Amino acid sequence: LKSLRQYALHNNHTVTKEYIDEAESGRSIDRPSFKQMI
């Protein structure tokens, strides 16, 4: 998140929301916060 926030700041983007999935495999799109973001 620190890295993403810095990227957004340096590229004049406004962060509207942050989504977090912990202990979730990247091999599946069945991740709660990912689904909410989409």
PDB file of all heavy atoms in Angstrom:
ATOM      1  N   LEU A   1       0.820  -1.203   0.000  1.00  0.00           N
ATOM      2  CA  LEU A   1       0.000   0.000   0.000  1.00  0.00           C
ATOM      3  C   LEU A   1       0.862   1.265   0.000  1.00  0.00           C
ATOM      4  O   LEU A   1       0.543   2.242  -0.688  1.00  0.00           O
ATOM      5  CB  LEU A   1      -0.966   0.010   1.183  1.00  0.00           C
ATOM      6  CG  LEU A   1      -2.104  -1.003   1.098  1.00  0.00           C
ATOM      7  CD1 LEU A   1      -2.907  -1.015   2.392  1.00  0.00           C
ATOM      8  CD2 LEU A   1      -3.013  -0.715  -0.095  1.00  0.00           C
ATOM      9  N   LYS A   2       1.950   1.238   0.728  1.00  0.00           N
ATOM     10  CA  LYS A   2       2.863   2.393   0.744  1.00  0.00           C
ATOM     11  C   LYS A   2       3.380   2.674  -0.662  1.00  0.00           C
ATOM     12  O   LYS A   2       3.375   3.813  -1.123  1.00  0.00           O
ATOM     13  CB  LYS A   2       4.023   2.136   1.703  1.00  0.00           C
ATOM     14  CG  LYS A   2       4.994   3.280   1.776  1.00  0.00           C
ATOM     15  CD  LYS A   2       6.132   2.983   2.730  1.00  0.00           C
ATOM     16  CE  LYS A   2       7.133   4.119   2.747  1.00  0.00           C
ATOM     17  NZ  LYS A   2       8.281   3.836   3.618  1.00  0.00           N
ATOM     18  N   SER A   3       3.807   1.634  -1.338  1.00  0.00           N
ATOM     19  CA  SER A   3       4.317   1.772  -2.697  1.00  0.00           C
ATOM     20  C   SER A   3       3.234   2.256  -3.663  1.00  0.00           C
ATOM     21  O   SER A   3       3.469   3.143  -4.490  1.00  0.00           O
ATOM     22  CB  SER A   3       4.888   0.437  -3.161  1.00  0.00           C
ATOM     23  OG  SER A   3       5.387   0.532  -4.472  1.00  0.00           O
ATOM     24  N   LEU A   4       2.042   1.686  -3.533  1.00  0.00           N
ATOM     25  CA  LEU A   4       0.931   2.080  -4.397  1.00  0.00           C
ATOM     26  C   LEU A   4       0.513   3.528  -4.151  1.00  0.00           C
ATOM     27  O   LEU A   4       0.222   4.276  -5.096  1.00  0.00           O
ATOM     28  CB  LEU A   4      -0.260   1.143  -4.190  1.00  0.00           C
ATOM     29  CG  LEU A   4      -0.074  -0.279  -4.712  1.00  0.00           C
ATOM     30  CD1 LEU A   4      -1.156  -1.192  -4.150  1.00  0.00           C
ATOM     31  CD2 LEU A   4      -0.079  -0.294  -6.231  1.00  0.00           C
ATOM     32  N   ARG A   5       0.503   3.932  -2.893  1.00  0.00           N
ATOM     33  CA  ARG A   5       0.141   5.317  -2.565  1.00  0.00           C
ATOM     34  C   ARG A   5       1.156   6.302  -3.147  1.00  0.00           C
ATOM     35  O   ARG A   5       0.789   7.361  -3.652  1.00  0.00           O
ATOM     36  CB  ARG A   5       0.050   5.499  -1.055  1.00  0.00           C
ATOM     37  CG  ARG A   5      -1.151   4.839  -0.432  1.00  0.00           C
ATOM     38  CD  ARG A   5      -1.150   5.026   1.072  1.00  0.00           C
ATOM     39  NE  ARG A   5      -2.115   4.168   1.721  1.00  0.00           N
ATOM     40  CZ  ARG A   5      -1.842   3.380   2.756  1.00  0.00           C
ATOM     41  NH1 ARG A   5      -0.621   3.345   3.275  1.00  0.00           N
ATOM     42  NH2 ARG A   5      -2.777   2.620   3.279  1.00  0.00           N
ATOM     43  N   GLN A   6       2.436   5.938  -3.051  1.00  0.00           N
ATOM     44  CA  GLN A   6       3.485   6.795  -3.605  1.00  0.00           C
ATOM     45  C   GLN A   6       3.338   6.913  -5.124  1.00  0.00           C
ATOM     46  O   GLN A   6       3.474   7.999  -5.681  1.00  0.00           O
ATOM     47  CB  GLN A   6       4.869   6.247  -3.259  1.00  0.00           C
ATOM     48  CG  GLN A   6       5.239   6.428  -1.814  1.00  0.00           C
ATOM     49  CD  GLN A   6       6.570   5.776  -1.465  1.00  0.00           C
ATOM     50  OE1 GLN A   6       7.077   4.919  -2.177  1.00  0.00           O
ATOM     51  NE2 GLN A   6       7.130   6.180  -0.343  1.00  0.00           N
ATOM     52  N   TYR A   7       3.059   5.803  -5.778  1.00  0.00           N
ATOM     53  CA  TYR A   7       2.856   5.816  -7.225  1.00  0.00           C
ATOM     54  C   TYR A   7       1.685   6.728  -7.587  1.00  0.00           C
ATOM     55  O   TYR A   7       1.779   7.548  -8.511  1.00  0.00           O
ATOM     56  CB  TYR A   7       2.594   4.399  -7.737  1.00  0.00           C
ATOM     57  CG  TYR A   7       2.354   4.356  -9.225  1.00  0.00           C
ATOM     58  CD1 TYR A   7       3.417   4.234 -10.114  1.00  0.00           C
ATOM     59  CD2 TYR A   7       1.069   4.469  -9.749  1.00  0.00           C
ATOM     60  CE1 TYR A   7       3.203   4.220 -11.488  1.00  0.00           C
ATOM     61  CE2 TYR A   7       0.842   4.463 -11.120  1.00  0.00           C
ATOM     62  CZ  TYR A   7       1.914   4.330 -11.978  1.00  0.00           C
ATOM     63  OH  TYR A   7       1.691   4.324 -13.339  1.00  0.00           O
ATOM     64  N   ALA A   8       0.587   6.581  -6.866  1.00  0.00           N
ATOM     65  CA  ALA A   8      -0.593   7.401  -7.129  1.00  0.00           C
ATOM     66  C   ALA A   8      -0.273   8.882  -6.935  1.00  0.00           C
ATOM     67  O   ALA A   8      -0.636   9.722  -7.775  1.00  0.00           O
ATOM     68  CB  ALA A   8      -1.748   6.974  -6.225  1.00  0.00           C
ATOM     69  N   LEU A   9       0.415   9.205  -5.867  1.00  0.00           N
ATOM     70  CA  LEU A   9       0.767  10.595  -5.581  1.00  0.00           C
ATOM     71  C   LEU A   9       1.642  11.180  -6.685  1.00  0.00           C
ATOM     72  O   LEU A   9       1.385  12.276  -7.176  1.00  0.00           O
ATOM     73  CB  LEU A   9       1.492  10.676  -4.228  1.00  0.00           C
ATOM     74  CG  LEU A   9       1.953  12.056  -3.786  1.00  0.00           C
ATOM     75  CD1 LEU A   9       0.749  12.956  -3.506  1.00  0.00           C
ATOM     76  CD2 LEU A   9       2.826  11.942  -2.557  1.00  0.00           C
ATOM     77  N   HIS A  10       2.666  10.437  -7.082  1.00  0.00           N
ATOM     78  CA  HIS A  10       3.598  10.912  -8.107  1.00  0.00           C
ATOM     79  C   HIS A  10       2.960  11.016  -9.487  1.00  0.00           C
ATOM     80  O   HIS A  10       3.481  11.684 -10.373  1.00  0.00           O
ATOM     81  CB  HIS A  10       4.830  10.011  -8.158  1.00  0.00           C
ATOM     82  CG  HIS A  10       5.756  10.228  -7.007  1.00  0.00           C
ATOM     83  ND1 HIS A  10       5.472   9.772  -5.732  1.00  0.00           N
ATOM     84  CD2 HIS A  10       6.936  10.872  -6.913  1.00  0.00           C
ATOM     85  CE1 HIS A  10       6.443  10.110  -4.926  1.00  0.00           C
ATOM     86  NE2 HIS A  10       7.349  10.786  -5.607  1.00  0.00           N
ATOM     87  N   ASN A  11       1.849  10.352  -9.694  1.00  0.00           N
ATOM     88  CA  ASN A  11       1.180  10.373 -10.991  1.00  0.00           C
ATOM     89  C   ASN A  11      -0.146  11.130 -10.951  1.00  0.00           C
ATOM     90  O   ASN A  11      -0.974  10.996 -11.852  1.00  0.00           O
ATOM     91  CB  ASN A  11       0.981   8.948 -11.497  1.00  0.00           C
ATOM     92  CG  ASN A  11       2.299   8.329 -11.896  1.00  0.00           C
ATOM     93  OD1 ASN A  11       2.806   8.589 -12.971  1.00  0.00           O
ATOM     94  ND2 ASN A  11       2.881   7.529 -11.006  1.00  0.00           N
ATOM     95  N   ASN A  12      -0.315  11.929  -9.903  1.00  0.00           N
ATOM     96  CA  ASN A  12      -1.495  12.787  -9.737  1.00  0.00           C
ATOM     97  C   ASN A  12      -2.823  12.026  -9.760  1.00  0.00           C
ATOM     98  O   ASN A  12      -3.819  12.504 -10.301  1.00  0.00           O
ATOM     99  CB  ASN A  12      -1.505  13.897 -10.800  1.00  0.00           C
ATOM    100  CG  ASN A  12      -0.314  14.806 -10.664  1.00  0.00           C
ATOM    101  OD1 ASN A  12       0.050  15.200  -9.565  1.00  0.00           O
ATOM    102  ND2 ASN A  12       0.328  15.116 -11.768  1.00  0.00           N
ATOM    103  N   HIS A  13      -2.821  10.840  -9.169  1.00  0.00           N
ATOM    104  CA  HIS A  13      -4.045  10.052  -9.052  1.00  0.00           C
ATOM    105  C   HIS A  13      -4.634  10.277  -7.658  1.00  0.00           C
ATOM    106  O   HIS A  13      -3.907  10.451  -6.686  1.00  0.00           O
ATOM    107  CB  HIS A  13      -3.773   8.563  -9.235  1.00  0.00           C
ATOM    108  CG  HIS A  13      -3.222   8.195 -10.574  1.00  0.00           C
ATOM    109  ND1 HIS A  13      -3.671   8.724 -11.764  1.00  0.00           N
ATOM    110  CD2 HIS A  13      -2.248   7.336 -10.922  1.00  0.00           C
ATOM    111  CE1 HIS A  13      -3.012   8.210 -12.773  1.00  0.00           C
ATOM    112  NE2 HIS A  13      -2.128   7.365 -12.284  1.00  0.00           N
ATOM    113  N   THR A  14      -5.948  10.224  -7.573  1.00  0.00           N
ATOM    114  CA  THR A  14      -6.638  10.336  -6.292  1.00  0.00           C
ATOM    115  C   THR A  14      -7.115   8.954  -5.879  1.00  0.00           C
ATOM    116  O   THR A  14      -7.881   8.315  -6.592  1.00  0.00           O
ATOM    117  CB  THR A  14      -7.863  11.275  -6.425  1.00  0.00           C
ATOM    118  OG1 THR A  14      -7.405  12.553  -6.872  1.00  0.00           O
ATOM    119  CG2 THR A  14      -8.597  11.415  -5.100  1.00  0.00           C
ATOM    120  N   VAL A  15      -6.628   8.483  -4.745  1.00  0.00           N
ATOM    121  CA  VAL A  15      -7.020   7.169  -4.236  1.00  0.00           C
ATOM    122  C   VAL A  15      -8.392   7.294  -3.587  1.00  0.00           C
ATOM    123  O   VAL A  15      -8.568   8.058  -2.632  1.00  0.00           O
ATOM    124  CB  VAL A  15      -5.986   6.622  -3.228  1.00  0.00           C
ATOM    125  CG1 VAL A  15      -6.454   5.296  -2.654  1.00  0.00           C
ATOM    126  CG2 VAL A  15      -4.621   6.480  -3.880  1.00  0.00           C
ATOM    127  N   THR A  16      -9.347   6.542  -4.118  1.00  0.00           N
ATOM    128  CA  THR A  16     -10.712   6.619  -3.595  1.00  0.00           C
ATOM    129  C   THR A  16     -11.026   5.492  -2.618  1.00  0.00           C
ATOM    130  O   THR A  16     -11.884   5.633  -1.756  1.00  0.00           O
ATOM    131  CB  THR A  16     -11.739   6.573  -4.735  1.00  0.00           C
ATOM    132  OG1 THR A  16     -11.566   5.365  -5.469  1.00  0.00           O
ATOM    133  CG2 THR A  16     -11.575   7.777  -5.647  1.00  0.00           C
ATOM    134  N   LYS A  17     -10.330   4.380  -2.758  1.00  0.00           N
ATOM    135  CA  LYS A  17     -10.591   3.239  -1.874  1.00  0.00           C
ATOM    136  C   LYS A  17      -9.404   2.285  -1.927  1.00  0.00           C
ATOM    137  O   LYS A  17      -8.709   2.211  -2.929  1.00  0.00           O
ATOM    138  CB  LYS A  17     -11.873   2.514  -2.296  1.00  0.00           C
ATOM    139  CG  LYS A  17     -12.262   1.394  -1.356  1.00  0.00           C
ATOM    140  CD  LYS A  17     -13.742   1.296  -1.175  1.00  0.00           C
ATOM    141  CE  LYS A  17     -13.988   0.171  -0.185  1.00  0.00           C
ATOM    142  NZ  LYS A  17     -15.283   0.125   0.355  1.00  0.00           N
ATOM    143  N   GLU A  18      -9.217   1.548  -0.844  1.00  0.00           N
ATOM    144  CA  GLU A  18      -8.175   0.525  -0.781  1.00  0.00           C
ATOM    145  C   GLU A  18      -8.831  -0.805  -0.470  1.00  0.00           C
ATOM    146  O   GLU A  18      -9.670  -0.898   0.429  1.00  0.00           O
ATOM    147  CB  GLU A  18      -7.146   0.878   0.293  1.00  0.00           C
ATOM    148  CG  GLU A  18      -6.389   2.144  -0.021  1.00  0.00           C
ATOM    149  CD  GLU A  18      -5.396   2.537   1.063  1.00  0.00           C
ATOM    150  OE1 GLU A  18      -5.328   1.862   2.113  1.00  0.00           O
ATOM    151  OE2 GLU A  18      -4.680   3.532   0.843  1.00  0.00           O
ATOM    152  N   TYR A  19      -8.458  -1.811  -1.223  1.00  0.00           N
ATOM    153  CA  TYR A  19      -8.987  -3.163  -1.048  1.00  0.00           C
ATOM    154  C   TYR A  19      -7.840  -4.067  -0.630  1.00  0.00           C
ATOM    155  O   TYR A  19      -6.749  -4.004  -1.186  1.00  0.00           O
ATOM    156  CB  TYR A  19      -9.600  -3.676  -2.354  1.00  0.00           C
ATOM    157  CG  TYR A  19     -10.787  -2.875  -2.818  1.00  0.00           C
ATOM    158  CD1 TYR A  19     -10.631  -1.760  -3.630  1.00  0.00           C
ATOM    159  CD2 TYR A  19     -12.077  -3.232  -2.429  1.00  0.00           C
ATOM    160  CE1 TYR A  19     -11.727  -1.019  -4.056  1.00  0.00           C
ATOM    161  CE2 TYR A  19     -13.173  -2.489  -2.850  1.00  0.00           C
ATOM    162  CZ  TYR A  19     -12.990  -1.393  -3.666  1.00  0.00           C
ATOM    163  OH  TYR A  19     -14.078  -0.673  -4.073  1.00  0.00           O
ATOM    164  N   ILE A  20      -8.127  -4.935   0.356  1.00  0.00           N
ATOM    165  CA  ILE A  20      -7.086  -5.810   0.905  1.00  0.00           C
ATOM    166  C   ILE A  20      -7.615  -7.226   1.046  1.00  0.00           C
ATOM    167  O   ILE A  20      -8.697  -7.450   1.589  1.00  0.00           O
ATOM    168  CB  ILE A  20      -6.635  -5.294   2.294  1.00  0.00           C
ATOM    169  CG1 ILE A  20      -6.047  -3.892   2.168  1.00  0.00           C
ATOM    170  CG2 ILE A  20      -5.646  -6.254   2.930  1.00  0.00           C
ATOM    171  CD1 ILE A  20      -5.854  -3.197   3.494  1.00  0.00           C
ATOM    172  N   ASP A  21      -6.826  -8.177   0.563  1.00  0.00           N
ATOM    173  CA  ASP A  21      -7.099  -9.594   0.791  1.00  0.00           C
ATOM    174  C   ASP A  21      -5.864 -10.203   1.450  1.00  0.00           C
ATOM    175  O   ASP A  21      -4.768 -10.127   0.903  1.00  0.00           O
ATOM    176  CB  ASP A  21      -7.385 -10.334  -0.528  1.00  0.00           C
ATOM    177  CG  ASP A  21      -8.815 -10.170  -0.999  1.00  0.00           C
ATOM    178  OD1 ASP A  21      -9.721 -10.241  -0.159  1.00  0.00           O
ATOM    179  OD2 ASP A  21      -9.018  -9.980  -2.208  1.00  0.00           O
ATOM    180  N   GLU A  22      -6.056 -10.772   2.624  1.00  0.00           N
ATOM    181  CA  GLU A  22      -4.962 -11.444   3.324  1.00  0.00           C
ATOM    182  C   GLU A  22      -5.173 -12.943   3.265  1.00  0.00           C
ATOM    183  O   GLU A  22      -6.302 -13.423   3.350  1.00  0.00           O
ATOM    184  CB  GLU A  22      -4.905 -10.985   4.779  1.00  0.00           C
ATOM    185  CG  GLU A  22      -4.526  -9.519   4.906  1.00  0.00           C
ATOM    186  CD  GLU A  22      -4.355  -9.099   6.349  1.00  0.00           C
ATOM    187  OE1 GLU A  22      -3.581  -9.758   7.060  1.00  0.00           O
ATOM    188  OE2 GLU A  22      -5.011  -8.124   6.741  1.00  0.00           O
ATOM    189  N   ALA A  23      -4.087 -13.668   3.130  1.00  0.00           N
ATOM    190  CA  ALA A  23      -4.111 -15.133   3.083  1.00  0.00           C
ATOM    191  C   ALA A  23      -5.006 -15.650   1.951  1.00  0.00           C
ATOM    192  O   ALA A  23      -5.746 -16.605   2.122  1.00  0.00           O
ATOM    193  CB  ALA A  23      -4.534 -15.718   4.433  1.00  0.00           C
ATOM    194  N   GLU A  24      -4.931 -14.983   0.806  1.00  0.00           N
ATOM    195  CA  GLU A  24      -5.719 -15.381  -0.355  1.00  0.00           C
ATOM    196  C   GLU A  24      -4.773 -15.670  -1.521  1.00  0.00           C
ATOM    197  O   GLU A  24      -3.903 -14.865  -1.833  1.00  0.00           O
ATOM    198  CB  GLU A  24      -6.698 -14.275  -0.762  1.00  0.00           C
ATOM    199  CG  GLU A  24      -7.760 -13.961   0.265  1.00  0.00           C
ATOM    200  CD  GLU A  24      -8.828 -15.030   0.364  1.00  0.00           C
ATOM    201  OE1 GLU A  24      -8.935 -15.873  -0.545  1.00  0.00           O
ATOM    202  OE2 GLU A  24      -9.556 -15.028   1.372  1.00  0.00           O
ATOM    203  N   SER A  25      -4.956 -16.786  -2.168  1.00  0.00           N
ATOM    204  CA  SER A  25      -4.117 -17.174  -3.289  1.00  0.00           C
ATOM    205  C   SER A  25      -4.395 -16.299  -4.505  1.00  0.00           C
ATOM    206  O   SER A  25      -5.537 -15.943  -4.794  1.00  0.00           O
ATOM    207  CB  SER A  25      -4.383 -18.636  -3.660  1.00  0.00           C
ATOM    208  OG  SER A  25      -3.699 -18.965  -4.862  1.00  0.00           O
ATOM    209  N   GLY A  26      -3.333 -15.972  -5.229  1.00  0.00           N
ATOM    210  CA  GLY A  26      -3.475 -15.216  -6.458  1.00  0.00           C
ATOM    211  C   GLY A  26      -3.923 -16.076  -7.617  1.00  0.00           C
ATOM    212  O   GLY A  26      -4.231 -15.585  -8.693  1.00  0.00           O
ATOM    213  N   ARG A  27      -3.973 -17.366  -7.419  1.00  0.00           N
ATOM    214  CA  ARG A  27      -4.370 -18.288  -8.484  1.00  0.00           C
ATOM    215  C   ARG A  27      -5.876 -18.321  -8.712  1.00  0.00           C
ATOM    216  O   ARG A  27      -6.340 -18.893  -9.676  1.00  0.00           O
ATOM    217  CB  ARG A  27      -3.878 -19.696  -8.177  1.00  0.00           C
ATOM    218  CG  ARG A  27      -2.383 -19.795  -8.216  1.00  0.00           C
ATOM    219  CD  ARG A  27      -1.939 -21.208  -7.976  1.00  0.00           C
ATOM    220  NE  ARG A  27      -0.492 -21.236  -7.995  1.00  0.00           N
ATOM    221  CZ  ARG A  27       0.212 -22.268  -8.347  1.00  0.00           C
ATOM    222  NH1 ARG A  27      -0.386 -23.390  -8.680  1.00  0.00           N
ATOM    223  NH2 ARG A  27       1.513 -22.206  -8.349  1.00  0.00           N
ATOM    224  N   SER A  28      -6.597 -17.727  -7.804  1.00  0.00           N
ATOM    225  CA  SER A  28      -8.053 -17.739  -7.898  1.00  0.00           C
ATOM    226  C   SER A  28      -8.576 -16.305  -7.857  1.00  0.00           C
ATOM    227  O   SER A  28      -8.032 -15.460  -7.152  1.00  0.00           O
ATOM    228  CB  SER A  28      -8.644 -18.523  -6.727  1.00  0.00           C
ATOM    229  OG  SER A  28     -10.040 -18.331  -6.668  1.00  0.00           O
ATOM    230  N   ILE A  29      -9.634 -16.052  -8.601  1.00  0.00           N
ATOM    231  CA  ILE A  29     -10.263 -14.733  -8.499  1.00  0.00           C
ATOM    232  C   ILE A  29     -11.349 -14.739  -7.432  1.00  0.00           C
ATOM    233  O   ILE A  29     -12.056 -13.753  -7.252  1.00  0.00           O
ATOM    234  CB  ILE A  29     -10.839 -14.262  -9.858  1.00  0.00           C
ATOM    235  CG1 ILE A  29     -11.919 -15.209 -10.356  1.00  0.00           C
ATOM    236  CG2 ILE A  29      -9.752 -14.047 -10.867  1.00  0.00           C
ATOM    237  CD1 ILE A  29     -12.715 -14.658 -11.514  1.00  0.00           C
ATOM    238  N   ASP A  30     -11.468 -15.839  -6.720  1.00  0.00           N
ATOM    239  CA  ASP A  30     -12.459 -15.967  -5.656  1.00  0.00           C
ATOM    240  C   ASP A  30     -11.905 -15.361  -4.363  1.00  0.00           C
ATOM    241  O   ASP A  30     -11.702 -16.049  -3.368  1.00  0.00           O
ATOM    242  CB  ASP A  30     -12.849 -17.430  -5.466  1.00  0.00           C
ATOM    243  CG  ASP A  30     -14.060 -17.590  -4.574  1.00  0.00           C
ATOM    244  OD1 ASP A  30     -14.863 -16.640  -4.479  1.00  0.00           O
ATOM    245  OD2 ASP A  30     -14.208 -18.672  -3.979  1.00  0.00           O
ATOM    246  N   ARG A  31     -11.629 -14.047  -4.409  1.00  0.00           N
ATOM    247  CA  ARG A  31     -11.106 -13.313  -3.264  1.00  0.00           C
ATOM    248  C   ARG A  31     -12.109 -12.218  -2.925  1.00  0.00           C
ATOM    249  O   ARG A  31     -12.500 -11.447  -3.806  1.00  0.00           O
ATOM    250  CB  ARG A  31      -9.749 -12.691  -3.611  1.00  0.00           C
ATOM    251  CG  ARG A  31      -8.692 -13.748  -3.879  1.00  0.00           C
ATOM    252  CD  ARG A  31      -7.425 -13.122  -4.419  1.00  0.00           C
ATOM    253  NE  ARG A  31      -7.452 -13.260  -5.876  1.00  0.00           N
ATOM    254  CZ  ARG A  31      -6.797 -12.488  -6.722  1.00  0.00           C
ATOM    255  NH1 ARG A  31      -6.082 -11.485  -6.292  1.00  0.00           N
ATOM    256  NH2 ARG A  31      -6.873 -12.696  -8.015  1.00  0.00           N
ATOM    257  N   PRO A  32     -12.548 -12.142  -1.691  1.00  0.00           N
ATOM    258  CA  PRO A  32     -13.628 -11.218  -1.305  1.00  0.00           C
ATOM    259  C   PRO A  32     -13.398  -9.757  -1.700  1.00  0.00           C
ATOM    260  O   PRO A  32     -14.260  -9.140  -2.334  1.00  0.00           O
ATOM    261  CB  PRO A  32     -13.713 -11.368   0.211  1.00  0.00           C
ATOM    262  CG  PRO A  32     -13.134 -12.709   0.494  1.00  0.00           C
ATOM    263  CD  PRO A  32     -12.092 -12.937  -0.554  1.00  0.00           C
ATOM    264  N   SER A  33     -12.270  -9.194  -1.332  1.00  0.00           N
ATOM    265  CA  SER A  33     -12.034  -7.779  -1.633  1.00  0.00           C
ATOM    266  C   SER A  33     -11.822  -7.552  -3.122  1.00  0.00           C
ATOM    267  O   SER A  33     -12.219  -6.513  -3.663  1.00  0.00           O
ATOM    268  CB  SER A  33     -10.842  -7.245  -0.844  1.00  0.00           C
ATOM    269  OG  SER A  33     -11.194  -7.124   0.518  1.00  0.00           O
ATOM    270  N   PHE A  34     -11.218  -8.506  -3.794  1.00  0.00           N
ATOM    271  CA  PHE A  34     -11.024  -8.399  -5.232  1.00  0.00           C
ATOM    272  C   PHE A  34     -12.379  -8.342  -5.935  1.00  0.00           C
ATOM    273  O   PHE A  34     -12.614  -7.489  -6.797  1.00  0.00           O
ATOM    274  CB  PHE A  34     -10.202  -9.581  -5.752  1.00  0.00           C
ATOM    275  CG  PHE A  34      -9.928  -9.526  -7.228  1.00  0.00           C
ATOM    276  CD1 PHE A  34      -8.940  -8.694  -7.732  1.00  0.00           C
ATOM    277  CD2 PHE A  34     -10.647 -10.301  -8.109  1.00  0.00           C
ATOM    278  CE1 PHE A  34      -8.682  -8.639  -9.093  1.00  0.00           C
ATOM    279  CE2 PHE A  34     -10.398 -10.266  -9.473  1.00  0.00           C
ATOM    280  CZ  PHE A  34      -9.417  -9.426  -9.967  1.00  0.00           C
ATOM    281  N   LYS A  35     -13.284  -9.234  -5.526  1.00  0.00           N
ATOM    282  CA  LYS A  35     -14.628  -9.250  -6.107  1.00  0.00           C
ATOM    283  C   LYS A  35     -15.354  -7.930  -5.836  1.00  0.00           C
ATOM    284  O   LYS A  35     -16.041  -7.401  -6.706  1.00  0.00           O
ATOM    285  CB  LYS A  35     -15.446 -10.407  -5.542  1.00  0.00           C
ATOM    286  CG  LYS A  35     -15.067 -11.750  -6.089  1.00  0.00           C
ATOM    287  CD  LYS A  35     -15.964 -12.800  -5.461  1.00  0.00           C
ATOM    288  CE  LYS A  35     -15.830 -14.140  -6.114  1.00  0.00           C
ATOM    289  NZ  LYS A  35     -16.733 -15.123  -5.512  1.00  0.00           N
ATOM    290  N   GLN A  36     -15.197  -7.404  -4.624  1.00  0.00           N
ATOM    291  CA  GLN A  36     -15.839  -6.147  -4.261  1.00  0.00           C
ATOM    292  C   GLN A  36     -15.283  -5.001  -5.117  1.00  0.00           C
ATOM    293  O   GLN A  36     -16.037  -4.141  -5.584  1.00  0.00           O
ATOM    294  CB  GLN A  36     -15.617  -5.863  -2.781  1.00  0.00           C
ATOM    295  CG  GLN A  36     -16.305  -4.618  -2.288  1.00  0.00           C
ATOM    296  CD  GLN A  36     -16.020  -4.343  -0.824  1.00  0.00           C
ATOM    297  OE1 GLN A  36     -15.121  -4.926  -0.228  1.00  0.00           O
ATOM    298  NE2 GLN A  36     -16.786  -3.453  -0.233  1.00  0.00           N
ATOM    299  N   MET A  37     -13.970  -5.008  -5.347  1.00  0.00           N
ATOM    300  CA  MET A  37     -13.351  -3.977  -6.155  1.00  0.00           C
ATOM    301  C   MET A  37     -13.883  -4.015  -7.594  1.00  0.00           C
ATOM    302  O   MET A  37     -14.227  -2.975  -8.162  1.00  0.00           O
ATOM    303  CB  MET A  37     -11.828  -4.154  -6.161  1.00  0.00           C
ATOM    304  CG  MET A  37     -11.087  -3.152  -7.006  1.00  0.00           C
ATOM    305  SD  MET A  37      -9.297  -3.418  -7.013  1.00  0.00           S
ATOM    306  CE  MET A  37      -9.183  -5.003  -7.856  1.00  0.00           C
ATOM    307  N   ILE A  38     -13.980  -5.202  -8.163  1.00  0.00           N
ATOM    308  CA  ILE A  38     -14.480  -5.348  -9.533  1.00  0.00           C
ATOM    309  C   ILE A  38     -15.942  -4.895  -9.611  1.00  0.00           C
ATOM    310  O   ILE A  38     -16.327  -4.182 -10.539  1.00  0.00           O
ATOM    311  CB  ILE A  38     -14.327  -6.802 -10.022  1.00  0.00           C
ATOM    312  CG1 ILE A  38     -12.836  -7.190 -10.079  1.00  0.00           C
ATOM    313  CG2 ILE A  38     -14.991  -7.000 -11.367  1.00  0.00           C
ATOM    314  CD1 ILE A  38     -11.978  -6.342 -10.981  1.00  0.00           C
TER     315      ILE A  38
END
